[in-house]
Amino acid sequence: MEAPTRVPPDRRQRIEAHLPLVRALALRFARRGEPLDDLVQAGCVGLILAVDRHEPERGALEAYAVPTITGEIQRHLRDRGSVLRVPPRALAEAGRPRLDPLGDDDGPPADPIPAVDAWLTLAAALRRLPLHERRILVLWLYGERSQRSIAAELGLSQSHVSRVLRRAQERLRGDFDDSRPVARSGAEA
């Protein structure tokens, strides 16, 4: 068995010293529906790349790191572009979808049939998800739990929880893209 490679102390110190910068940059993108932990994780990849590629004679590390970190966060968001998108008005303060499907705060919609169709489609799509994906999705959406706390509770890594959430959302999106109205009027039946 190979001995683990050691990270040079200077490199580790530089990375750890700039973690607040990563968090600050990730916070700029926090209102885009992506969990902050995921944005920080992507930003850390950018920080590591910046530390490894930085040439001190060309200027301060921060000047090189900011665009590299920002680029990694933007790449992460772009790669996640196929994930189910929730309209901003449907988001609660925690950045998660509101639980009121039939209308805004102003009251129910004039025609509730499309909203009922959407709920029925969502319920059917949720039932088709594997149990572990459904459990993680419910903890995240309705339990308003972070990926990190879900991972700790279930004995998984945060990155695994992130992948499960992405896969579940992609399946749900696929069900909505392929769906046809569930409720039909008597004339259509």
N, C-alpha and C. Protein backbone atom coordinates (compact mmCIF):
# COMPACT_ATOMS: atom_id res chain seq x y z
N MET A 1 0.84 -1.17 0.00
CA MET A 1 0.00 0.00 0.00
C MET A 1 0.89 1.23 0.00
N GLU A 2 0.53 2.19 -0.85
CA GLU A 2 1.33 3.41 -0.96
C GLU A 2 1.07 4.32 0.23
N ALA A 3 2.11 5.00 0.63
CA ALA A 3 1.96 5.98 1.71
C ALA A 3 1.23 7.20 1.15
N PRO A 4 0.33 7.78 1.95
CA PRO A 4 -0.39 8.96 1.44
C PRO A 4 0.58 10.10 1.21
N THR A 5 0.30 10.84 0.14
CA THR A 5 1.16 11.99 -0.14
C THR A 5 0.82 13.11 0.82
N ARG A 6 1.81 13.81 1.25
CA ARG A 6 1.61 14.91 2.19
C ARG A 6 1.51 16.21 1.42
N VAL A 7 0.62 17.05 1.86
CA VAL A 7 0.45 18.36 1.26
C VAL A 7 1.50 19.27 1.89
N PRO A 8 2.27 19.99 1.07
CA PRO A 8 3.27 20.89 1.66
C PRO A 8 2.59 21.89 2.59
N PRO A 9 3.20 22.15 3.75
CA PRO A 9 2.55 23.04 4.72
C PRO A 9 2.26 24.42 4.15
N ASP A 10 3.14 24.95 3.31
CA ASP A 10 2.92 26.27 2.73
C ASP A 10 1.65 26.28 1.87
N ARG A 11 1.46 25.26 1.08
CA ARG A 11 0.28 25.15 0.21
C ARG A 11 -0.99 25.06 1.05
N ARG A 12 -0.96 24.19 2.05
CA ARG A 12 -2.12 24.02 2.93
C ARG A 12 -2.47 25.34 3.63
N GLN A 13 -1.47 26.03 4.12
CA GLN A 13 -1.71 27.30 4.82
C GLN A 13 -2.31 28.34 3.87
N ARG A 14 -1.80 28.38 2.65
CA ARG A 14 -2.34 29.34 1.69
C ARG A 14 -3.79 29.03 1.35
N ILE A 15 -4.09 27.75 1.21
CA ILE A 15 -5.48 27.35 0.91
C ILE A 15 -6.38 27.70 2.09
N GLU A 16 -5.98 27.31 3.29
CA GLU A 16 -6.81 27.56 4.47
C GLU A 16 -6.97 29.06 4.74
N ALA A 17 -5.93 29.83 4.46
CA ALA A 17 -6.00 31.27 4.70
C ALA A 17 -7.00 31.96 3.75
N HIS A 18 -7.26 31.36 2.61
CA HIS A 18 -8.13 31.99 1.62
C HIS A 18 -9.53 31.38 1.56
N LEU A 19 -9.86 30.49 2.49
CA LEU A 19 -11.21 29.92 2.51
C LEU A 19 -12.30 30.97 2.75
N PRO A 20 -12.06 32.00 3.60
CA PRO A 20 -13.09 33.04 3.71
C PRO A 20 -13.37 33.76 2.38
N LEU A 21 -12.35 33.91 1.55
CA LEU A 21 -12.54 34.51 0.24
C LEU A 21 -13.48 33.64 -0.61
N VAL A 22 -13.29 32.33 -0.54
CA VAL A 22 -14.16 31.41 -1.30
C VAL A 22 -15.60 31.57 -0.84
N ARG A 23 -15.81 31.59 0.47
CA ARG A 23 -17.17 31.72 1.00
C ARG A 23 -17.81 33.05 0.56
N ALA A 24 -17.02 34.12 0.64
CA ALA A 24 -17.55 35.43 0.23
C ALA A 24 -17.95 35.43 -1.24
N LEU A 25 -17.15 34.82 -2.08
CA LEU A 25 -17.48 34.76 -3.51
C LEU A 25 -18.68 33.85 -3.76
N ALA A 26 -18.77 32.76 -3.02
CA ALA A 26 -19.90 31.84 -3.17
C ALA A 26 -21.21 32.51 -2.77
N LEU A 27 -21.15 33.37 -1.76
CA LEU A 27 -22.36 34.07 -1.31
C LEU A 27 -22.94 34.96 -2.41
N ARG A 28 -22.11 35.44 -3.32
CA ARG A 28 -22.61 36.26 -4.43
C ARG A 28 -23.57 35.48 -5.33
N PHE A 29 -23.41 34.16 -5.35
CA PHE A 29 -24.22 33.32 -6.23
C PHE A 29 -25.28 32.53 -5.47
N ALA A 30 -25.43 32.80 -4.18
CA ALA A 30 -26.30 31.98 -3.33
C ALA A 30 -27.78 32.08 -3.68
N ARG A 31 -28.22 33.12 -4.33
CA ARG A 31 -29.65 33.30 -4.63
C ARG A 31 -30.05 32.63 -5.94
N ARG A 32 -29.24 31.75 -6.44
CA ARG A 32 -29.55 31.11 -7.73
C ARG A 32 -30.14 29.72 -7.58
N GLY A 33 -30.57 29.37 -6.37
CA GLY A 33 -31.23 28.09 -6.17
C GLY A 33 -30.30 26.93 -5.89
N GLU A 34 -29.03 27.16 -5.84
CA GLU A 34 -28.05 26.10 -5.58
C GLU A 34 -27.62 26.20 -4.12
N PRO A 35 -27.49 25.08 -3.40
CA PRO A 35 -27.08 25.13 -2.00
C PRO A 35 -25.71 25.79 -1.85
N LEU A 36 -25.57 26.59 -0.80
CA LEU A 36 -24.33 27.32 -0.56
C LEU A 36 -23.17 26.35 -0.39
N ASP A 37 -23.39 25.22 0.26
CA ASP A 37 -22.31 24.24 0.44
C ASP A 37 -21.74 23.79 -0.90
N ASP A 38 -22.61 23.60 -1.89
CA ASP A 38 -22.15 23.18 -3.21
C ASP A 38 -21.34 24.28 -3.89
N LEU A 39 -21.79 25.52 -3.71
CA LEU A 39 -21.06 26.65 -4.31
C LEU A 39 -19.69 26.81 -3.66
N VAL A 40 -19.63 26.65 -2.34
CA VAL A 40 -18.34 26.74 -1.64
C VAL A 40 -17.42 25.61 -2.09
N GLN A 41 -17.98 24.42 -2.25
CA GLN A 41 -17.18 23.28 -2.70
C GLN A 41 -16.59 23.55 -4.09
N ALA A 42 -17.40 24.08 -4.99
CA ALA A 42 -16.90 24.41 -6.33
C ALA A 42 -15.84 25.51 -6.24
N GLY A 43 -16.08 26.50 -5.37
CA GLY A 43 -15.11 27.57 -5.18
C GLY A 43 -13.80 27.06 -4.62
N CYS A 44 -13.85 26.06 -3.76
CA CYS A 44 -12.62 25.48 -3.21
C CYS A 44 -11.79 24.81 -4.30
N VAL A 45 -12.46 24.21 -5.27
CA VAL A 45 -11.74 23.64 -6.41
C VAL A 45 -10.98 24.76 -7.12
N GLY A 46 -11.66 25.89 -7.34
CA GLY A 46 -11.01 27.03 -7.97
C GLY A 46 -9.85 27.57 -7.15
N LEU A 47 -10.01 27.60 -5.82
CA LEU A 47 -8.93 28.07 -4.95
C LEU A 47 -7.72 27.16 -5.05
N ILE A 48 -7.94 25.87 -5.03
CA ILE A 48 -6.82 24.92 -5.14
C ILE A 48 -6.11 25.10 -6.47
N LEU A 49 -6.89 25.25 -7.54
CA LEU A 49 -6.27 25.49 -8.86
C LEU A 49 -5.45 26.77 -8.85
N ALA A 50 -6.01 27.82 -8.23
CA ALA A 50 -5.31 29.11 -8.18
C ALA A 50 -4.02 29.01 -7.38
N VAL A 51 -4.07 28.34 -6.25
CA VAL A 51 -2.86 28.19 -5.42
C VAL A 51 -1.80 27.40 -6.18
N ASP A 52 -2.21 26.35 -6.85
CA ASP A 52 -1.25 25.51 -7.58
C ASP A 52 -0.67 26.21 -8.81
N ARG A 53 -1.44 27.09 -9.45
CA ARG A 53 -0.98 27.72 -10.69
C ARG A 53 -0.38 29.11 -10.50
N HIS A 54 -0.54 29.67 -9.31
CA HIS A 54 -0.11 31.05 -9.06
C HIS A 54 1.40 31.20 -9.17
N GLU A 55 1.80 32.25 -9.85
CA GLU A 55 3.22 32.60 -9.96
C GLU A 55 3.42 33.89 -9.18
N PRO A 56 4.08 33.84 -8.00
CA PRO A 56 4.19 35.01 -7.13
C PRO A 56 4.78 36.25 -7.81
N GLU A 57 5.66 36.07 -8.76
CA GLU A 57 6.27 37.22 -9.43
C GLU A 57 5.27 38.00 -10.29
N ARG A 58 4.10 37.41 -10.55
CA ARG A 58 3.10 38.07 -11.40
C ARG A 58 2.05 38.83 -10.59
N GLY A 59 2.15 38.81 -9.27
CA GLY A 59 1.20 39.57 -8.45
C GLY A 59 0.66 38.76 -7.29
N ALA A 60 -0.26 39.39 -6.56
CA ALA A 60 -0.84 38.77 -5.37
C ALA A 60 -1.71 37.57 -5.74
N LEU A 61 -1.76 36.61 -4.86
CA LEU A 61 -2.57 35.42 -5.07
C LEU A 61 -4.05 35.78 -5.19
N GLU A 62 -4.52 36.72 -4.37
CA GLU A 62 -5.92 37.10 -4.39
C GLU A 62 -6.37 37.58 -5.77
N ALA A 63 -5.51 38.37 -6.42
CA ALA A 63 -5.85 38.91 -7.74
C ALA A 63 -6.01 37.79 -8.77
N TYR A 64 -5.26 36.71 -8.59
CA TYR A 64 -5.35 35.57 -9.50
C TYR A 64 -6.49 34.63 -9.07
N ALA A 65 -6.69 34.52 -7.75
CA ALA A 65 -7.64 33.54 -7.23
C ALA A 65 -9.10 33.95 -7.48
N VAL A 66 -9.40 35.24 -7.36
CA VAL A 66 -10.80 35.67 -7.49
C VAL A 66 -11.42 35.24 -8.82
N PRO A 67 -10.82 35.54 -9.96
CA PRO A 67 -11.46 35.09 -11.21
C PRO A 67 -11.46 33.56 -11.37
N THR A 68 -10.45 32.90 -10.81
CA THR A 68 -10.41 31.44 -10.92
C THR A 68 -11.52 30.81 -10.08
N ILE A 69 -11.70 31.29 -8.87
CA ILE A 69 -12.75 30.78 -7.99
C ILE A 69 -14.12 31.09 -8.59
N THR A 70 -14.31 32.33 -9.03
CA THR A 70 -15.59 32.74 -9.62
C THR A 70 -15.89 31.89 -10.86
N GLY A 71 -14.89 31.64 -11.66
CA GLY A 71 -15.08 30.81 -12.85
C GLY A 71 -15.52 29.40 -12.52
N GLU A 72 -14.95 28.81 -11.47
CA GLU A 72 -15.35 27.46 -11.07
C GLU A 72 -16.78 27.43 -10.56
N ILE A 73 -17.16 28.47 -9.80
CA ILE A 73 -18.55 28.53 -9.31
C ILE A 73 -19.51 28.69 -10.48
N GLN A 74 -19.16 29.56 -11.42
CA GLN A 74 -20.02 29.75 -12.60
C GLN A 74 -20.09 28.48 -13.45
N ARG A 75 -18.99 27.78 -13.56
CA ARG A 75 -18.99 26.50 -14.30
C ARG A 75 -19.92 25.50 -13.62
N HIS A 76 -19.85 25.45 -12.30
CA HIS A 76 -20.72 24.56 -11.54
C HIS A 76 -22.19 24.89 -11.82
N LEU A 77 -22.52 26.17 -11.76
CA LEU A 77 -23.91 26.58 -12.02
C LEU A 77 -24.32 26.26 -13.45
N ARG A 78 -23.43 26.47 -14.39
CA ARG A 78 -23.74 26.19 -15.80
C ARG A 78 -23.95 24.70 -16.02
N ASP A 79 -23.09 23.87 -15.39
CA ASP A 79 -23.22 22.43 -15.55
C ASP A 79 -24.50 21.91 -14.92
N ARG A 80 -25.00 22.61 -13.93
CA ARG A 80 -26.22 22.21 -13.27
C ARG A 80 -27.45 22.80 -13.94
N GLY A 81 -27.28 23.38 -15.11
CA GLY A 81 -28.36 24.07 -15.80
C GLY A 81 -29.55 23.22 -16.15
N SER A 82 -29.39 21.90 -16.20
CA SER A 82 -30.52 21.05 -16.56
C SER A 82 -31.36 20.66 -15.36
N VAL A 83 -30.99 21.15 -14.20
CA VAL A 83 -31.72 20.83 -12.98
C VAL A 83 -33.06 21.56 -12.98
N LEU A 84 -34.04 20.98 -12.34
CA LEU A 84 -35.36 21.58 -12.22
C LEU A 84 -35.24 22.99 -11.68
N ARG A 85 -35.77 23.96 -12.39
CA ARG A 85 -35.70 25.35 -11.96
C ARG A 85 -37.02 25.74 -11.32
N VAL A 86 -36.93 26.47 -10.23
CA VAL A 86 -38.10 26.95 -9.52
C VAL A 86 -38.17 28.45 -9.74
N PRO A 87 -39.33 28.99 -10.14
CA PRO A 87 -39.42 30.43 -10.35
C PRO A 87 -39.13 31.18 -9.06
N PRO A 88 -38.46 32.34 -9.15
CA PRO A 88 -38.08 33.09 -7.95
C PRO A 88 -39.25 33.41 -7.03
N ARG A 89 -40.44 33.68 -7.58
CA ARG A 89 -41.57 34.03 -6.72
C ARG A 89 -42.03 32.84 -5.88
N ALA A 90 -41.65 31.62 -6.29
CA ALA A 90 -42.06 30.44 -5.54
C ALA A 90 -41.06 30.07 -4.46
N LEU A 91 -39.99 30.85 -4.32
CA LEU A 91 -38.99 30.53 -3.32
C LEU A 91 -39.31 31.18 -1.99
N ALA A 92 -39.08 30.43 -0.93
CA ALA A 92 -39.21 30.97 0.42
C ALA A 92 -37.89 31.64 0.80
N GLU A 93 -37.81 32.20 2.00
CA GLU A 93 -36.59 32.87 2.45
C GLU A 93 -35.40 31.92 2.48
N ALA A 94 -35.61 30.64 2.76
CA ALA A 94 -34.51 29.66 2.84
C ALA A 94 -34.02 29.25 1.48
N GLY A 95 -34.59 29.78 0.35
CA GLY A 95 -34.16 29.45 -1.00
C GLY A 95 -34.75 28.14 -1.49
N ARG A 96 -35.74 27.64 -0.81
CA ARG A 96 -36.38 26.38 -1.20
C ARG A 96 -37.80 26.68 -1.68
N PRO A 97 -38.38 25.80 -2.49
CA PRO A 97 -39.72 26.06 -3.00
C PRO A 97 -40.74 26.19 -1.87
N ARG A 98 -41.67 27.12 -2.06
CA ARG A 98 -42.76 27.25 -1.10
C ARG A 98 -43.63 26.02 -1.19
N LEU A 99 -44.35 25.74 -0.13
CA LEU A 99 -45.17 24.54 -0.09
C LEU A 99 -46.60 24.79 -0.56
N ASP A 100 -46.93 26.03 -0.90
CA ASP A 100 -48.27 26.38 -1.35
C ASP A 100 -48.33 26.29 -2.88
N PRO A 101 -48.88 25.21 -3.43
CA PRO A 101 -48.83 25.02 -4.88
C PRO A 101 -49.95 25.71 -5.64
N LEU A 102 -51.04 26.05 -4.97
CA LEU A 102 -52.22 26.49 -5.70
C LEU A 102 -52.28 27.98 -5.94
N GLY A 103 -51.39 28.73 -5.38
CA GLY A 103 -51.47 30.15 -5.65
C GLY A 103 -50.43 30.94 -4.91
N ASP A 104 -50.37 32.21 -5.26
CA ASP A 104 -49.48 33.14 -4.60
C ASP A 104 -50.15 33.61 -3.32
N ASP A 105 -49.53 34.57 -2.67
CA ASP A 105 -50.07 35.11 -1.44
C ASP A 105 -51.36 35.87 -1.68
N ASP A 106 -51.64 36.22 -2.92
CA ASP A 106 -52.82 37.00 -3.26
C ASP A 106 -54.08 36.14 -3.29
N GLY A 107 -53.97 34.85 -3.19
CA GLY A 107 -55.13 33.98 -3.23
C GLY A 107 -54.97 32.91 -4.28
N PRO A 108 -55.97 32.04 -4.41
CA PRO A 108 -55.86 30.95 -5.39
C PRO A 108 -55.94 31.49 -6.81
N PRO A 109 -55.38 30.74 -7.76
CA PRO A 109 -55.46 31.17 -9.15
C PRO A 109 -56.89 31.09 -9.66
N ALA A 110 -57.14 31.82 -10.73
CA ALA A 110 -58.49 31.83 -11.31
C ALA A 110 -58.88 30.44 -11.80
N ASP A 111 -57.93 29.71 -12.39
CA ASP A 111 -58.19 28.37 -12.89
C ASP A 111 -57.26 27.39 -12.17
N PRO A 112 -57.76 26.65 -11.18
CA PRO A 112 -56.87 25.77 -10.41
C PRO A 112 -56.51 24.47 -11.12
N ILE A 113 -57.12 24.17 -12.26
CA ILE A 113 -56.88 22.89 -12.95
C ILE A 113 -55.39 22.70 -13.30
N PRO A 114 -54.70 23.69 -13.89
CA PRO A 114 -53.28 23.49 -14.18
C PRO A 114 -52.45 23.22 -12.92
N ALA A 115 -52.78 23.90 -11.82
CA ALA A 115 -52.04 23.67 -10.58
C ALA A 115 -52.30 22.27 -10.04
N VAL A 116 -53.54 21.81 -10.13
CA VAL A 116 -53.87 20.46 -9.68
C VAL A 116 -53.16 19.44 -10.55
N ASP A 117 -53.16 19.67 -11.86
CA ASP A 117 -52.43 18.79 -12.78
C ASP A 117 -50.95 18.70 -12.38
N ALA A 118 -50.37 19.86 -12.08
CA ALA A 118 -48.95 19.88 -11.69
C ALA A 118 -48.74 19.09 -10.41
N TRP A 119 -49.62 19.25 -9.44
CA TRP A 119 -49.47 18.51 -8.18
C TRP A 119 -49.61 17.01 -8.41
N LEU A 120 -50.59 16.62 -9.22
CA LEU A 120 -50.78 15.19 -9.48
C LEU A 120 -49.58 14.61 -10.22
N THR A 121 -49.04 15.37 -11.16
CA THR A 121 -47.85 14.93 -11.89
C THR A 121 -46.67 14.81 -10.93
N LEU A 122 -46.50 15.79 -10.05
CA LEU A 122 -45.42 15.75 -9.07
C LEU A 122 -45.57 14.57 -8.13
N ALA A 123 -46.77 14.33 -7.64
CA ALA A 123 -46.99 13.20 -6.72
C ALA A 123 -46.66 11.88 -7.40
N ALA A 124 -47.08 11.72 -8.64
CA ALA A 124 -46.77 10.48 -9.36
C ALA A 124 -45.28 10.35 -9.61
N ALA A 125 -44.63 11.46 -9.95
CA ALA A 125 -43.18 11.43 -10.20
C ALA A 125 -42.42 11.10 -8.92
N LEU A 126 -42.84 11.65 -7.80
CA LEU A 126 -42.19 11.35 -6.52
C LEU A 126 -42.33 9.88 -6.16
N ARG A 127 -43.49 9.30 -6.43
CA ARG A 127 -43.69 7.87 -6.13
C ARG A 127 -42.78 6.99 -6.98
N ARG A 128 -42.41 7.45 -8.17
CA ARG A 128 -41.53 6.65 -9.05
C ARG A 128 -40.06 6.74 -8.65
N LEU A 129 -39.70 7.72 -7.82
CA LEU A 129 -38.29 7.83 -7.39
C LEU A 129 -37.94 6.67 -6.47
N PRO A 130 -36.69 6.19 -6.54
CA PRO A 130 -36.25 5.19 -5.56
C PRO A 130 -36.39 5.77 -4.15
N LEU A 131 -36.65 4.91 -3.18
CA LEU A 131 -36.93 5.34 -1.82
C LEU A 131 -35.82 6.22 -1.24
N HIS A 132 -34.55 5.86 -1.46
CA HIS A 132 -33.47 6.66 -0.88
C HIS A 132 -33.40 8.05 -1.50
N GLU A 133 -33.68 8.17 -2.81
CA GLU A 133 -33.71 9.48 -3.45
C GLU A 133 -34.87 10.31 -2.92
N ARG A 134 -36.03 9.67 -2.77
CA ARG A 134 -37.21 10.37 -2.27
C ARG A 134 -36.96 10.87 -0.84
N ARG A 135 -36.35 10.02 -0.02
CA ARG A 135 -36.09 10.40 1.37
C ARG A 135 -35.16 11.62 1.45
N ILE A 136 -34.09 11.60 0.67
CA ILE A 136 -33.14 12.71 0.68
C ILE A 136 -33.80 13.97 0.15
N LEU A 137 -34.58 13.86 -0.92
CA LEU A 137 -35.26 15.01 -1.51
C LEU A 137 -36.26 15.61 -0.52
N VAL A 138 -37.00 14.77 0.18
CA VAL A 138 -37.99 15.26 1.15
C VAL A 138 -37.28 15.95 2.32
N LEU A 139 -36.18 15.37 2.81
CA LEU A 139 -35.43 16.03 3.89
C LEU A 139 -34.92 17.39 3.44
N TRP A 140 -34.47 17.48 2.20
CA TRP A 140 -33.90 18.73 1.69
C TRP A 140 -34.97 19.78 1.45
N LEU A 141 -36.06 19.39 0.76
CA LEU A 141 -37.09 20.35 0.42
C LEU A 141 -38.01 20.69 1.58
N TYR A 142 -38.59 19.67 2.19
CA TYR A 142 -39.62 19.91 3.19
C TYR A 142 -39.05 20.00 4.60
N GLY A 143 -37.96 19.29 4.84
CA GLY A 143 -37.32 19.38 6.15
C GLY A 143 -36.39 20.58 6.25
N GLU A 144 -36.16 21.25 5.09
CA GLU A 144 -35.28 22.41 5.00
C GLU A 144 -33.93 22.13 5.64
N ARG A 145 -33.39 20.96 5.32
CA ARG A 145 -32.11 20.54 5.88
C ARG A 145 -31.02 20.80 4.85
N SER A 146 -29.82 21.06 5.33
CA SER A 146 -28.69 21.25 4.42
C SER A 146 -28.20 19.88 3.96
N GLN A 147 -27.48 19.89 2.85
CA GLN A 147 -26.91 18.63 2.36
C GLN A 147 -25.97 18.02 3.39
N ARG A 148 -25.24 18.88 4.08
CA ARG A 148 -24.29 18.41 5.09
C ARG A 148 -25.01 17.70 6.23
N SER A 149 -26.13 18.26 6.72
CA SER A 149 -26.84 17.63 7.84
C SER A 149 -27.52 16.33 7.39
N ILE A 150 -28.02 16.30 6.16
CA ILE A 150 -28.61 15.06 5.64
C ILE A 150 -27.53 13.98 5.55
N ALA A 151 -26.37 14.36 5.05
CA ALA A 151 -25.27 13.41 4.92
C ALA A 151 -24.87 12.86 6.29
N ALA A 152 -24.78 13.73 7.29
CA ALA A 152 -24.40 13.29 8.63
C ALA A 152 -25.44 12.34 9.20
N GLU A 153 -26.72 12.64 9.00
CA GLU A 153 -27.78 11.79 9.54
C GLU A 153 -27.80 10.41 8.89
N LEU A 154 -27.57 10.38 7.59
CA LEU A 154 -27.67 9.11 6.84
C LEU A 154 -26.34 8.39 6.70
N GLY A 155 -25.25 8.98 7.21
CA GLY A 155 -23.94 8.34 7.11
C GLY A 155 -23.39 8.35 5.70
N LEU A 156 -23.66 9.43 4.96
CA LEU A 156 -23.18 9.56 3.58
C LEU A 156 -22.26 10.77 3.49
N SER A 157 -21.59 10.92 2.37
CA SER A 157 -20.80 12.12 2.14
C SER A 157 -21.71 13.21 1.57
N GLN A 158 -21.33 14.46 1.79
CA GLN A 158 -22.12 15.57 1.28
C GLN A 158 -22.16 15.55 -0.24
N SER A 159 -21.05 15.15 -0.86
CA SER A 159 -21.04 15.10 -2.32
C SER A 159 -21.99 14.01 -2.84
N HIS A 160 -22.12 12.90 -2.10
CA HIS A 160 -23.06 11.86 -2.52
C HIS A 160 -24.49 12.38 -2.43
N VAL A 161 -24.80 13.08 -1.33
CA VAL A 161 -26.14 13.66 -1.18
C VAL A 161 -26.41 14.63 -2.32
N SER A 162 -25.41 15.44 -2.68
CA SER A 162 -25.56 16.39 -3.78
C SER A 162 -25.87 15.66 -5.08
N ARG A 163 -25.15 14.56 -5.35
CA ARG A 163 -25.40 13.80 -6.58
C ARG A 163 -26.79 13.18 -6.58
N VAL A 164 -27.23 12.67 -5.42
CA VAL A 164 -28.57 12.07 -5.33
C VAL A 164 -29.63 13.13 -5.58
N LEU A 165 -29.46 14.31 -4.99
CA LEU A 165 -30.43 15.39 -5.22
C LEU A 165 -30.47 15.80 -6.69
N ARG A 166 -29.30 15.91 -7.31
CA ARG A 166 -29.26 16.29 -8.72
C ARG A 166 -29.96 15.23 -9.57
N ARG A 167 -29.69 13.95 -9.29
CA ARG A 167 -30.31 12.87 -10.06
C ARG A 167 -31.84 12.87 -9.86
N ALA A 168 -32.29 13.06 -8.63
CA ALA A 168 -33.72 13.08 -8.35
C ALA A 168 -34.39 14.25 -9.05
N GLN A 169 -33.76 15.41 -9.02
CA GLN A 169 -34.33 16.58 -9.68
C GLN A 169 -34.38 16.39 -11.19
N GLU A 170 -33.35 15.76 -11.75
CA GLU A 170 -33.36 15.50 -13.19
C GLU A 170 -34.47 14.54 -13.56
N ARG A 171 -34.71 13.53 -12.72
CA ARG A 171 -35.81 12.60 -12.99
C ARG A 171 -37.15 13.31 -12.91
N LEU A 172 -37.31 14.16 -11.90
CA LEU A 172 -38.56 14.91 -11.77
C LEU A 172 -38.76 15.83 -12.96
N ARG A 173 -37.69 16.49 -13.37
CA ARG A 173 -37.78 17.38 -14.52
C ARG A 173 -38.18 16.59 -15.76
N GLY A 174 -37.59 15.42 -15.93
CA GLY A 174 -37.95 14.56 -17.06
C GLY A 174 -39.41 14.17 -17.04
N ASP A 175 -39.93 13.88 -15.85
CA ASP A 175 -41.35 13.55 -15.74
C ASP A 175 -42.23 14.73 -16.11
N PHE A 176 -41.82 15.94 -15.72
CA PHE A 176 -42.62 17.11 -16.06
C PHE A 176 -42.51 17.44 -17.54
N ASP A 177 -41.33 17.25 -18.12
CA ASP A 177 -41.17 17.52 -19.55
C ASP A 177 -41.99 16.56 -20.39
N ASP A 178 -42.11 15.30 -19.92
CA ASP A 178 -42.83 14.29 -20.67
C ASP A 178 -44.30 14.19 -20.29
N SER A 179 -44.72 14.96 -19.29
CA SER A 179 -46.06 14.77 -18.75
C SER A 179 -47.13 15.37 -19.65
N ARG A 180 -48.28 14.79 -19.53
CA ARG A 180 -49.48 15.31 -20.15
C ARG A 180 -50.44 15.60 -19.02
N PRO A 181 -51.40 16.44 -19.22
CA PRO A 181 -52.35 16.73 -18.13
C PRO A 181 -52.96 15.45 -17.57
N VAL A 182 -53.03 15.40 -16.24
CA VAL A 182 -53.57 14.22 -15.57
C VAL A 182 -55.09 14.36 -15.43
N ALA A 183 -55.53 15.53 -14.97
CA ALA A 183 -56.96 15.75 -14.77
C ALA A 183 -57.59 16.14 -16.11
N ARG A 184 -58.71 15.55 -16.39
CA ARG A 184 -59.40 15.85 -17.64
C ARG A 184 -60.85 16.19 -17.33
N SER A 185 -61.39 17.05 -18.12
CA SER A 185 -62.81 17.39 -17.93
C SER A 185 -63.66 16.25 -18.50
N GLY A 186 -64.93 16.26 -18.17
CA GLY A 186 -65.84 15.22 -18.65
C GLY A 186 -65.93 15.18 -20.16
N ALA A 187 -65.78 16.33 -20.82
CA ALA A 187 -65.87 16.38 -22.28
C ALA A 187 -64.71 15.70 -22.94
N GLU A 188 -63.53 15.72 -22.28
CA GLU A 188 -62.34 15.10 -22.87
C GLU A 188 -62.26 13.62 -22.61
N ALA A 189 -62.90 13.15 -21.58
CA ALA A 189 -62.77 11.75 -21.15
C ALA A 189 -63.41 10.78 -22.09
